Amino acid sequence: MRLLIALMWLLHWLPLPILGRLGEALGSLLYWAIPKRRRIALTNLALCLPHLTEEERRTLARRHFQAYSRSILERGILWWAPESRLRKLIHMEPGLPLEEIQSGPVILLCPHFVCLDVAGARIAMEISASSVYMEQRNKVADAALRRGRSRFKPVKLLSRAEGIKPILRAMREGLPYFMLPDLDFGLKDAEFVPFFGVPAATLTAPARIAAATGAKVIPVIATFLPNYRGWTVKFYPPVPDYPGKDLLAATRRMNAFIEDRVREMPAEYLWTHKRFKTRPPGSPGFYD
C-alpha cells in the first residue's frame, strides 16, 4: 500500500489529460483482472437497466471500471496538488450555497458517484463540515484518506458505529453534514425501498435527521468534465418539503433523485458495490 500511495503522489504531478488516460487504461485492465467485481457490476446493470442489451451492459461496465480507476488515480491531485490548481480544475454549479448553509442545519446529500471525493475536497476548501467515515483495514490507506479529506478546513469524521447522536451534535455546532446515503449496510436503520424498481435496503437516516433537526437537504453531485478538463460539482436546490410526514416516501424520493442522476451519467455510478446484497425475507440473493 505504501508503494501505491507513493505512486499516486508521483502521478499527481502529471497533466490531468495524461493522468486521466492512464486511469482509464488501468480500468480496462482491471475489468478483466477482477472477475468478481465485474460480475457484481454486470448483475447490478442487469437489474437496474434491463432495457439495455447484454453487450451494451458490458460496454457500460467497462466504462465504469475506467471511470472508477481514473477517479482513484486523480485522487492524488485532490490530496497533494496546490489549492490554486484545484480551484482551476473544479468548477462549481452554481456555487457553494453558503447562504443556505449559514441559515440553519444542512445535509449535503452526495450519492456514490466515482467523483464524490471531488465534491468533498471542494467543499472543504471553503467551510468545515462533518461526515461519517468507515475506517479502512489498511492503516496506511486509512491515514492517507484521513489526511487527504482534512487537508483544507477541519473535517469532523464520525464513526458510523456511534449512530446518529454525534451527527446531531455536529449539526448543532453549525457543521453541515456531508452524507453518502446509498450503500447497503443491512437492515439496521434501513427499509426496503425501490431502486430502479428493485427492493433495496436503503438508509432512512437522511429523512430521520432532517426531521429531527429541521435541516435543509441539498443534493450535490460531482462528475468529470469532458476532454479531461477537470470536474464539475453541481449543487441542486434544497429538496422541497423534505422529509414531510412520511419518512418512507421521503426515502423513495431520494432514491428517485439518484436514479435520475444515474440515467444522466450511468458509467460514473458505483456499480461494483453490492447494492442489493440485503434481500427481503425469503428472496434469493443476486450475487451468489
C-alpha atoms as a PDB file:
ATOM      1  CA  MET A   1       0.000   0.000   0.000  1.00  0.00           C
ATOM      2  CA  ARG A   2       2.870   2.393   0.736  1.00  0.00           C
ATOM      3  CA  LEU A   3       4.102   1.796  -2.804  1.00  0.00           C
ATOM      4  CA  LEU A   4       0.656   2.580  -4.224  1.00  0.00           C
ATOM      5  CA  ILE A   5       0.395   5.807  -2.202  1.00  0.00           C
ATOM      6  CA  ALA A   6       3.895   6.801  -3.357  1.00  0.00           C
ATOM      7  CA  LEU A   7       2.917   6.081  -6.977  1.00  0.00           C
ATOM      8  CA  MET A   8      -0.212   8.229  -6.639  1.00  0.00           C
ATOM      9  CA  TRP A   9       1.946  11.046  -5.266  1.00  0.00           C
ATOM     10  CA  LEU A  10       4.318  10.811  -8.227  1.00  0.00           C
ATOM     11  CA  LEU A  11       1.498  10.641 -10.767  1.00  0.00           C
ATOM     12  CA  HIS A  12      -0.327  13.671  -9.385  1.00  0.00           C
ATOM     13  CA  TRP A  13       2.325  15.905 -10.995  1.00  0.00           C
ATOM     14  CA  LEU A  14       1.194  14.792 -14.458  1.00  0.00           C
ATOM     15  CA  PRO A  15      -1.158  16.924 -16.548  1.00  0.00           C
ATOM     16  CA  LEU A  16      -4.724  15.823 -15.964  1.00  0.00           C
ATOM     17  CA  PRO A  17      -5.309  14.587 -19.562  1.00  0.00           C
ATOM     18  CA  ILE A  18      -2.372  12.176 -19.232  1.00  0.00           C
ATOM     19  CA  LEU A  19      -3.354  11.041 -15.735  1.00  0.00           C
ATOM     20  CA  GLY A  20      -6.963  10.546 -16.790  1.00  0.00           C
ATOM     21  CA  ARG A  21      -5.989   8.387 -19.761  1.00  0.00           C
ATOM     22  CA  LEU A  22      -3.667   6.318 -17.563  1.00  0.00           C
ATOM     23  CA  GLY A  23      -6.556   5.736 -15.172  1.00  0.00           C
ATOM     24  CA  GLU A  24      -8.844   4.611 -17.972  1.00  0.00           C
ATOM     25  CA  ALA A  25      -6.188   2.220 -19.304  1.00  0.00           C
ATOM     26  CA  LEU A  26      -5.821   0.766 -15.807  1.00  0.00           C
ATOM     27  CA  GLY A  27      -9.592   0.378 -15.575  1.00  0.00           C
ATOM     28  CA  SER A  28      -9.674  -1.560 -18.846  1.00  0.00           C
ATOM     29  CA  LEU A  29      -7.167  -3.998 -17.377  1.00  0.00           C
ATOM     30  CA  LEU A  30      -8.988  -4.298 -14.057  1.00  0.00           C
ATOM     31  CA  TYR A  31     -12.259  -5.069 -15.824  1.00  0.00           C
ATOM     32  CA  TRP A  32     -10.711  -8.374 -16.888  1.00  0.00           C
ATOM     33  CA  ALA A  33      -8.429  -8.845 -13.871  1.00  0.00           C
ATOM     34  CA  ILE A  34     -11.163  -8.657 -11.187  1.00  0.00           C
ATOM     35  CA  PRO A  35     -13.921 -11.028 -12.365  1.00  0.00           C
ATOM     36  CA  LYS A  36     -15.752 -10.892  -9.016  1.00  0.00           C
ATOM     37  CA  ARG A  37     -16.298  -7.122  -9.254  1.00  0.00           C
ATOM     38  CA  ARG A  38     -17.085  -7.408 -12.956  1.00  0.00           C
ATOM     39  CA  ARG A  39     -19.868  -9.898 -12.162  1.00  0.00           C
ATOM     40  CA  ILE A  40     -21.265  -7.597  -9.447  1.00  0.00           C
ATOM     41  CA  ALA A  41     -21.324  -4.652 -11.855  1.00  0.00           C
ATOM     42  CA  LEU A  42     -23.000  -6.684 -14.610  1.00  0.00           C
ATOM     43  CA  THR A  43     -25.568  -8.047 -12.153  1.00  0.00           C
ATOM     44  CA  ASN A  44     -26.433  -4.538 -10.942  1.00  0.00           C
ATOM     45  CA  LEU A  45     -26.718  -3.259 -14.502  1.00  0.00           C
ATOM     46  CA  ALA A  46     -28.990  -6.147 -15.497  1.00  0.00           C
ATOM     47  CA  LEU A  47     -31.252  -5.378 -12.515  1.00  0.00           C
ATOM     48  CA  CYS A  48     -31.309  -1.594 -12.902  1.00  0.00           C
ATOM     49  CA  LEU A  49     -31.062  -1.126 -16.668  1.00  0.00           C
ATOM     50  CA  PRO A  50     -32.769  -4.217 -18.130  1.00  0.00           C
ATOM     51  CA  HIS A  51     -33.702  -2.342 -21.306  1.00  0.00           C
ATOM     52  CA  LEU A  52     -30.065  -2.426 -22.403  1.00  0.00           C
ATOM     53  CA  THR A  53     -28.725  -5.351 -24.368  1.00  0.00           C
ATOM     54  CA  GLU A  54     -26.125  -7.607 -22.772  1.00  0.00           C
ATOM     55  CA  GLU A  55     -23.424  -6.097 -24.975  1.00  0.00           C
ATOM     56  CA  GLU A  56     -24.493  -2.578 -24.024  1.00  0.00           C
ATOM     57  CA  ARG A  57     -24.276  -3.512 -20.355  1.00  0.00           C
ATOM     58  CA  ARG A  58     -20.805  -4.990 -20.827  1.00  0.00           C
ATOM     59  CA  THR A  59     -19.678  -1.815 -22.578  1.00  0.00           C
ATOM     60  CA  LEU A  60     -21.130   0.276 -19.756  1.00  0.00           C
ATOM     61  CA  ALA A  61     -19.410  -1.904 -17.136  1.00  0.00           C
ATOM     62  CA  ARG A  62     -16.050  -1.416 -18.894  1.00  0.00           C
ATOM     63  CA  ARG A  63     -16.635   2.337 -18.959  1.00  0.00           C
ATOM     64  CA  HIS A  64     -17.432   2.224 -15.260  1.00  0.00           C
ATOM     65  CA  PHE A  65     -14.182   0.421 -14.456  1.00  0.00           C
ATOM     66  CA  GLN A  66     -12.361   3.055 -16.489  1.00  0.00           C
ATOM     67  CA  ALA A  67     -14.111   5.917 -14.670  1.00  0.00           C
ATOM     68  CA  TYR A  68     -13.578   4.372 -11.235  1.00  0.00           C
ATOM     69  CA  SER A  69      -9.881   3.694 -11.815  1.00  0.00           C
ATOM     70  CA  ARG A  70      -9.435   7.158 -13.239  1.00  0.00           C
ATOM     71  CA  SER A  71     -11.057   8.694 -10.157  1.00  0.00           C
ATOM     72  CA  ILE A  72      -8.656   6.797  -7.877  1.00  0.00           C
ATOM     73  CA  LEU A  73      -5.537   7.991  -9.701  1.00  0.00           C
ATOM     74  CA  GLU A  74      -6.892  11.531  -9.898  1.00  0.00           C
ATOM     75  CA  ARG A  75      -7.464  11.466  -6.148  1.00  0.00           C
ATOM     76  CA  GLY A  76      -3.742  12.187  -5.855  1.00  0.00           C
ATOM     77  CA  ILE A  77      -4.449  15.663  -7.217  1.00  0.00           C
ATOM     78  CA  LEU A  78      -7.079  16.183  -4.520  1.00  0.00           C
ATOM     79  CA  TRP A  79      -4.662  15.046  -1.819  1.00  0.00           C
ATOM     80  CA  TRP A  80      -1.466  16.832  -2.822  1.00  0.00           C
ATOM     81  CA  ALA A  81      -1.927  19.421  -5.574  1.00  0.00           C
ATOM     82  CA  PRO A  82      -1.789  23.128  -4.623  1.00  0.00           C
ATOM     83  CA  GLU A  83      -5.134  24.694  -3.867  1.00  0.00           C
ATOM     84  CA  SER A  84      -4.655  27.041  -6.808  1.00  0.00           C
ATOM     85  CA  ARG A  85      -4.531  24.085  -9.203  1.00  0.00           C
ATOM     86  CA  LEU A  86      -7.670  22.565  -7.698  1.00  0.00           C
ATOM     87  CA  ARG A  87      -9.606  25.802  -7.996  1.00  0.00           C
ATOM     88  CA  LYS A  88      -8.807  25.865 -11.705  1.00  0.00           C
ATOM     89  CA  LEU A  89      -9.855  22.241 -12.219  1.00  0.00           C
ATOM     90  CA  ILE A  90     -13.015  22.069 -10.083  1.00  0.00           C
ATOM     91  CA  HIS A  91     -15.981  24.053 -11.388  1.00  0.00           C
ATOM     92  CA  MET A  92     -18.961  24.618  -9.092  1.00  0.00           C
ATOM     93  CA  GLU A  93     -22.505  24.967 -10.415  1.00  0.00           C
ATOM     94  CA  PRO A  94     -23.919  27.405  -9.475  1.00  0.00           C
ATOM     95  CA  GLY A  95     -21.594  27.821  -6.490  1.00  0.00           C
ATOM     96  CA  LEU A  96     -21.401  26.763  -2.870  1.00  0.00           C
ATOM     97  CA  PRO A  97     -24.792  27.616  -1.284  1.00  0.00           C
ATOM     98  CA  LEU A  98     -23.246  29.479   1.641  1.00  0.00           C
ATOM     99  CA  GLU A  99     -26.403  31.432   2.431  1.00  0.00           C
ATOM    100  CA  GLU A 100     -28.398  28.227   2.786  1.00  0.00           C
ATOM    101  CA  ILE A 101     -25.670  26.604   4.892  1.00  0.00           C
ATOM    102  CA  GLN A 102     -25.304  29.591   7.206  1.00  0.00           C
ATOM    103  CA  SER A 103     -29.061  29.989   7.688  1.00  0.00           C
ATOM    104  CA  GLY A 104     -29.525  26.710   9.527  1.00  0.00           C
ATOM    105  CA  PRO A 105     -28.788  22.961   9.616  1.00  0.00           C
ATOM    106  CA  VAL A 106     -27.923  21.459   6.245  1.00  0.00           C
ATOM    107  CA  ILE A 107     -27.434  17.945   4.916  1.00  0.00           C
ATOM    108  CA  LEU A 108     -25.283  17.829   1.782  1.00  0.00           C
ATOM    109  CA  LEU A 109     -26.526  14.663   0.109  1.00  0.00           C
ATOM    110  CA  CYS A 110     -23.783  13.123  -2.045  1.00  0.00           C
ATOM    111  CA  PRO A 111     -24.591   9.731  -3.654  1.00  0.00           C
ATOM    112  CA  HIS A 112     -21.875   7.282  -4.640  1.00  0.00           C
ATOM    113  CA  PHE A 113     -20.675   8.535  -7.976  1.00  0.00           C
ATOM    114  CA  VAL A 114     -16.981   7.926  -8.559  1.00  0.00           C
ATOM    115  CA  CYS A 115     -16.010  11.613  -8.227  1.00  0.00           C
ATOM    116  CA  LEU A 116     -17.626  12.119  -4.815  1.00  0.00           C
ATOM    117  CA  ASP A 117     -14.223  12.919  -3.240  1.00  0.00           C
ATOM    118  CA  VAL A 118     -14.012  15.912  -5.576  1.00  0.00           C
ATOM    119  CA  ALA A 119     -17.185  17.319  -4.021  1.00  0.00           C
ATOM    120  CA  GLY A 120     -15.816  16.743  -0.531  1.00  0.00           C
ATOM    121  CA  ALA A 121     -12.493  18.425  -1.339  1.00  0.00           C
ATOM    122  CA  ARG A 122     -14.093  21.452  -2.965  1.00  0.00           C
ATOM    123  CA  ILE A 123     -16.487  21.977  -0.074  1.00  0.00           C
ATOM    124  CA  ALA A 124     -13.637  21.603   2.448  1.00  0.00           C
ATOM    125  CA  MET A 125     -11.737  24.371   0.643  1.00  0.00           C
ATOM    126  CA  GLU A 126     -14.452  26.782   1.785  1.00  0.00           C
ATOM    127  CA  ILE A 127     -16.051  25.509   5.008  1.00  0.00           C
ATOM    128  CA  SER A 128     -15.705  22.914   7.756  1.00  0.00           C
ATOM    129  CA  ALA A 129     -18.124  20.009   7.668  1.00  0.00           C
ATOM    130  CA  SER A 130     -18.872  16.667   9.277  1.00  0.00           C
ATOM    131  CA  SER A 131     -19.198  13.270   7.670  1.00  0.00           C
ATOM    132  CA  VAL A 132     -19.390   9.596   8.599  1.00  0.00           C
ATOM    133  CA  TYR A 133     -16.177   7.722   7.938  1.00  0.00           C
ATOM    134  CA  MET A 134     -15.572   3.986   7.657  1.00  0.00           C
ATOM    135  CA  GLU A 135     -12.114   3.086   8.944  1.00  0.00           C
ATOM    136  CA  GLN A 136     -10.008   1.318   6.334  1.00  0.00           C
ATOM    137  CA  ARG A 137      -8.498  -2.044   7.225  1.00  0.00           C
ATOM    138  CA  ASN A 138      -5.097  -0.983   5.920  1.00  0.00           C
ATOM    139  CA  LYS A 139      -3.634   1.610   8.299  1.00  0.00           C
ATOM    140  CA  VAL A 140      -1.543   3.290   5.594  1.00  0.00           C
ATOM    141  CA  ALA A 141      -4.582   3.731   3.344  1.00  0.00           C
ATOM    142  CA  ASP A 142      -6.635   4.904   6.314  1.00  0.00           C
ATOM    143  CA  ALA A 143      -4.086   7.585   7.236  1.00  0.00           C
ATOM    144  CA  ALA A 144      -3.812   8.762   3.608  1.00  0.00           C
ATOM    145  CA  LEU A 145      -7.595   9.074   3.269  1.00  0.00           C
ATOM    146  CA  ARG A 146      -7.911  10.978   6.533  1.00  0.00           C
ATOM    147  CA  ARG A 147      -5.126  13.406   5.616  1.00  0.00           C
ATOM    148  CA  GLY A 148      -6.482  13.876   2.108  1.00  0.00           C
ATOM    149  CA  ARG A 149     -10.006  14.612   3.271  1.00  0.00           C
ATOM    150  CA  SER A 150      -8.887  17.004   6.016  1.00  0.00           C
ATOM    151  CA  ARG A 151      -6.139  18.961   4.267  1.00  0.00           C
ATOM    152  CA  PHE A 152      -8.100  22.226   3.971  1.00  0.00           C
ATOM    153  CA  LYS A 153     -10.724  23.186   6.555  1.00  0.00           C
ATOM    154  CA  PRO A 154     -11.109  20.845   9.555  1.00  0.00           C
ATOM    155  CA  VAL A 155     -13.471  17.957   8.829  1.00  0.00           C
ATOM    156  CA  LYS A 156     -15.134  16.136  11.716  1.00  0.00           C
ATOM    157  CA  LEU A 157     -15.054  12.459  10.715  1.00  0.00           C
ATOM    158  CA  LEU A 158     -17.589  10.416  12.680  1.00  0.00           C
ATOM    159  CA  SER A 159     -17.825   6.662  13.106  1.00  0.00           C
ATOM    160  CA  ARG A 160     -20.956   5.038  11.723  1.00  0.00           C
ATOM    161  CA  ALA A 161     -20.867   2.651  14.692  1.00  0.00           C
ATOM    162  CA  GLU A 162     -21.629   5.564  17.034  1.00  0.00           C
ATOM    163  CA  GLY A 163     -25.041   6.103  15.483  1.00  0.00           C
ATOM    164  CA  ILE A 164     -26.919   9.324  14.933  1.00  0.00           C
ATOM    165  CA  LYS A 165     -26.128  11.266  18.129  1.00  0.00           C
ATOM    166  CA  PRO A 166     -22.637  12.538  17.106  1.00  0.00           C
ATOM    167  CA  ILE A 167     -24.121  13.687  13.798  1.00  0.00           C
ATOM    168  CA  LEU A 168     -26.810  15.684  15.575  1.00  0.00           C
ATOM    169  CA  ARG A 169     -24.208  17.237  17.906  1.00  0.00           C
ATOM    170  CA  ALA A 170     -22.047  18.279  14.947  1.00  0.00           C
ATOM    171  CA  MET A 171     -25.039  19.832  13.211  1.00  0.00           C
ATOM    172  CA  ARG A 172     -25.964  21.736  16.359  1.00  0.00           C
ATOM    173  CA  GLU A 173     -22.410  23.107  16.286  1.00  0.00           C
ATOM    174  CA  GLY A 174     -23.199  24.554  12.849  1.00  0.00           C
ATOM    175  CA  LEU A 175     -21.381  21.965  10.736  1.00  0.00           C
ATOM    176  CA  PRO A 176     -23.149  20.839   7.563  1.00  0.00           C
ATOM    177  CA  TYR A 177     -23.382  17.069   7.332  1.00  0.00           C
ATOM    178  CA  PHE A 178     -21.849  15.596   4.168  1.00  0.00           C
ATOM    179  CA  MET A 179     -23.855  12.400   3.754  1.00  0.00           C
ATOM    180  CA  LEU A 180     -23.384   9.409   1.452  1.00  0.00           C
ATOM    181  CA  PRO A 181     -26.812   7.752   1.601  1.00  0.00           C
ATOM    182  CA  ASP A 182     -26.870   4.903  -0.900  1.00  0.00           C
ATOM    183  CA  LEU A 183     -24.856   1.901   0.278  1.00  0.00           C
ATOM    184  CA  ASP A 184     -26.324  -1.367   1.547  1.00  0.00           C
ATOM    185  CA  PHE A 185     -25.395  -1.620   5.249  1.00  0.00           C
ATOM    186  CA  GLY A 186     -28.030  -4.204   6.042  1.00  0.00           C
ATOM    187  CA  LEU A 187     -31.411  -3.648   7.672  1.00  0.00           C
ATOM    188  CA  LYS A 188     -30.266  -1.572  10.653  1.00  0.00           C
ATOM    189  CA  ASP A 189     -31.769   1.916  10.264  1.00  0.00           C
ATOM    190  CA  ALA A 190     -32.927   0.947   6.758  1.00  0.00           C
ATOM    191  CA  GLU A 191     -36.077  -0.004   4.896  1.00  0.00           C
ATOM    192  CA  PHE A 192     -36.671  -1.813   1.633  1.00  0.00           C
ATOM    193  CA  VAL A 193     -37.288   0.960  -0.863  1.00  0.00           C
ATOM    194  CA  PRO A 194     -37.307   0.504  -4.665  1.00  0.00           C
ATOM    195  CA  PHE A 195     -34.161   1.441  -6.530  1.00  0.00           C
ATOM    196  CA  PHE A 196     -34.765   1.114 -10.270  1.00  0.00           C
ATOM    197  CA  GLY A 197     -37.792  -0.974  -9.287  1.00  0.00           C
ATOM    198  CA  VAL A 198     -35.787  -3.472  -7.185  1.00  0.00           C
ATOM    199  CA  PRO A 199     -36.273  -3.540  -3.383  1.00  0.00           C
ATOM    200  CA  ALA A 200     -33.062  -2.150  -1.873  1.00  0.00           C
ATOM    201  CA  ALA A 201     -32.127  -1.824   1.786  1.00  0.00           C
ATOM    202  CA  THR A 202     -31.953   1.965   1.951  1.00  0.00           C
ATOM    203  CA  LEU A 203     -30.850   4.124   4.872  1.00  0.00           C
ATOM    204  CA  THR A 204     -33.680   6.237   6.252  1.00  0.00           C
ATOM    205  CA  ALA A 205     -31.155   8.448   8.061  1.00  0.00           C
ATOM    206  CA  PRO A 206     -31.434  11.428   5.669  1.00  0.00           C
ATOM    207  CA  ALA A 207     -35.167  11.688   6.335  1.00  0.00           C
ATOM    208  CA  ARG A 208     -34.833  10.986  10.072  1.00  0.00           C
ATOM    209  CA  ILE A 209     -32.017  13.514  10.604  1.00  0.00           C
ATOM    210  CA  ALA A 210     -33.840  16.147   8.551  1.00  0.00           C
ATOM    211  CA  ALA A 211     -36.977  15.559  10.618  1.00  0.00           C
ATOM    212  CA  ALA A 212     -35.065  15.763  13.914  1.00  0.00           C
ATOM    213  CA  THR A 213     -33.092  18.905  13.072  1.00  0.00           C
ATOM    214  CA  GLY A 214     -35.246  20.761  10.550  1.00  0.00           C
ATOM    215  CA  ALA A 215     -32.282  20.586   8.169  1.00  0.00           C
ATOM    216  CA  LYS A 216     -32.452  21.529   4.527  1.00  0.00           C
ATOM    217  CA  VAL A 217     -31.322  18.709   2.231  1.00  0.00           C
ATOM    218  CA  ILE A 218     -29.121  19.912  -0.638  1.00  0.00           C
ATOM    219  CA  PRO A 219     -28.033  17.238  -3.136  1.00  0.00           C
ATOM    220  CA  VAL A 220     -24.545  17.601  -4.594  1.00  0.00           C
ATOM    221  CA  ILE A 221     -23.058  15.554  -7.450  1.00  0.00           C
ATOM    222  CA  ALA A 222     -19.501  15.629  -8.784  1.00  0.00           C
ATOM    223  CA  THR A 223     -18.712  14.419 -12.290  1.00  0.00           C
ATOM    224  CA  PHE A 224     -15.960  14.553 -14.900  1.00  0.00           C
ATOM    225  CA  LEU A 225     -15.755  17.481 -17.276  1.00  0.00           C
ATOM    226  CA  PRO A 226     -15.339  16.482 -20.945  1.00  0.00           C
ATOM    227  CA  ASN A 227     -11.898  16.198 -22.516  1.00  0.00           C
ATOM    228  CA  TYR A 228     -10.069  15.747 -19.198  1.00  0.00           C
ATOM    229  CA  ARG A 229     -10.566  19.409 -18.253  1.00  0.00           C
ATOM    230  CA  GLY A 230     -11.355  18.697 -14.614  1.00  0.00           C
ATOM    231  CA  TRP A 231     -14.565  18.182 -12.693  1.00  0.00           C
ATOM    232  CA  THR A 232     -17.920  19.795 -12.065  1.00  0.00           C
ATOM    233  CA  VAL A 233     -19.502  19.922  -8.608  1.00  0.00           C
ATOM    234  CA  LYS A 234     -23.202  20.658  -9.012  1.00  0.00           C
ATOM    235  CA  PHE A 235     -25.362  21.806  -6.103  1.00  0.00           C
ATOM    236  CA  TYR A 236     -29.068  21.196  -6.588  1.00  0.00           C
ATOM    237  CA  PRO A 237     -31.808  23.291  -4.953  1.00  0.00           C
ATOM    238  CA  PRO A 238     -32.892  22.172  -1.473  1.00  0.00           C
ATOM    239  CA  VAL A 239     -35.355  19.303  -1.694  1.00  0.00           C
ATOM    240  CA  PRO A 240     -38.808  20.877  -1.162  1.00  0.00           C
ATOM    241  CA  ASP A 241     -40.968  19.809   1.780  1.00  0.00           C
ATOM    242  CA  TYR A 242     -38.428  17.233   2.909  1.00  0.00           C
ATOM    243  CA  PRO A 243     -38.977  14.889   4.608  1.00  0.00           C
ATOM    244  CA  GLY A 244     -42.678  15.579   5.159  1.00  0.00           C
ATOM    245  CA  LYS A 245     -44.757  13.301   7.368  1.00  0.00           C
ATOM    246  CA  ASP A 246     -43.967  10.021   5.593  1.00  0.00           C
ATOM    247  CA  LEU A 247     -40.281   9.082   6.088  1.00  0.00           C
ATOM    248  CA  LEU A 248     -40.604   6.070   3.800  1.00  0.00           C
ATOM    249  CA  ALA A 249     -41.980   8.233   0.990  1.00  0.00           C
ATOM    250  CA  ALA A 250     -39.148  10.703   1.572  1.00  0.00           C
ATOM    251  CA  THR A 251     -36.612   7.869   1.237  1.00  0.00           C
ATOM    252  CA  ARG A 252     -38.267   6.811  -2.016  1.00  0.00           C
ATOM    253  CA  ARG A 253     -37.942  10.398  -3.291  1.00  0.00           C
ATOM    254  CA  MET A 254     -34.235  10.285  -2.513  1.00  0.00           C
ATOM    255  CA  ASN A 255     -33.776   7.057  -4.469  1.00  0.00           C
ATOM    256  CA  ALA A 256     -35.753   8.512  -7.374  1.00  0.00           C
ATOM    257  CA  PHE A 257     -33.430  11.529  -7.449  1.00  0.00           C
ATOM    258  CA  ILE A 258     -30.383   9.239  -7.550  1.00  0.00           C
ATOM    259  CA  GLU A 259     -31.970   7.178 -10.331  1.00  0.00           C
ATOM    260  CA  ASP A 260     -32.396  10.309 -12.455  1.00  0.00           C
ATOM    261  CA  ARG A 261     -28.747  11.265 -11.967  1.00  0.00           C
ATOM    262  CA  VAL A 262     -27.619   7.715 -12.815  1.00  0.00           C
ATOM    263  CA  ARG A 263     -29.500   7.923 -16.109  1.00  0.00           C
ATOM    264  CA  GLU A 264     -27.591  11.136 -16.906  1.00  0.00           C
ATOM    265  CA  MET A 265     -24.127   9.632 -16.238  1.00  0.00           C
ATOM    266  CA  PRO A 266     -24.514   5.847 -15.922  1.00  0.00           C
ATOM    267  CA  ALA A 267     -20.809   4.972 -16.193  1.00  0.00           C
ATOM    268  CA  GLU A 268     -19.954   7.042 -13.117  1.00  0.00           C
ATOM    269  CA  TYR A 269     -22.246   5.371 -10.592  1.00  0.00           C
ATOM    270  CA  LEU A 270     -20.744   2.801  -8.193  1.00  0.00           C
ATOM    271  CA  TRP A 271     -21.927  -0.378  -9.897  1.00  0.00           C
ATOM    272  CA  THR A 272     -19.233  -2.548  -8.249  1.00  0.00           C
ATOM    273  CA  HIS A 273     -20.980  -2.254  -4.841  1.00  0.00           C
ATOM    274  CA  LYS A 274     -23.461  -4.988  -3.879  1.00  0.00           C
ATOM    275  CA  ARG A 275     -26.384  -2.571  -3.767  1.00  0.00           C
ATOM    276  CA  PHE A 276     -28.915  -5.407  -3.413  1.00  0.00           C
ATOM    277  CA  LYS A 277     -26.943  -7.604  -1.018  1.00  0.00           C
ATOM    278  CA  THR A 278     -29.655  -7.465   1.647  1.00  0.00           C
ATOM    279  CA  ARG A 279     -32.811  -9.153   0.386  1.00  0.00           C
ATOM    280  CA  PRO A 280     -36.395  -9.259   1.682  1.00  0.00           C
ATOM    281  CA  PRO A 281     -37.127 -12.406   3.728  1.00  0.00           C
ATOM    282  CA  GLY A 282     -37.406 -15.461   1.536  1.00  0.00           C
ATOM    283  CA  SER A 283     -35.984 -13.773  -1.554  1.00  0.00           C
ATOM    284  CA  PRO A 284     -32.967 -15.364  -3.261  1.00  0.00           C
ATOM    285  CA  GLY A 285     -29.678 -13.484  -3.435  1.00  0.00           C
ATOM    286  CA  PHE A 286     -28.487 -11.853  -6.629  1.00  0.00           C
ATOM    287  CA  TYR A 287     -24.726 -12.248  -6.183  1.00  0.00           C
ATOM    288  CA  ASP A 288     -24.377 -15.941  -5.334  1.00  0.00           C
END
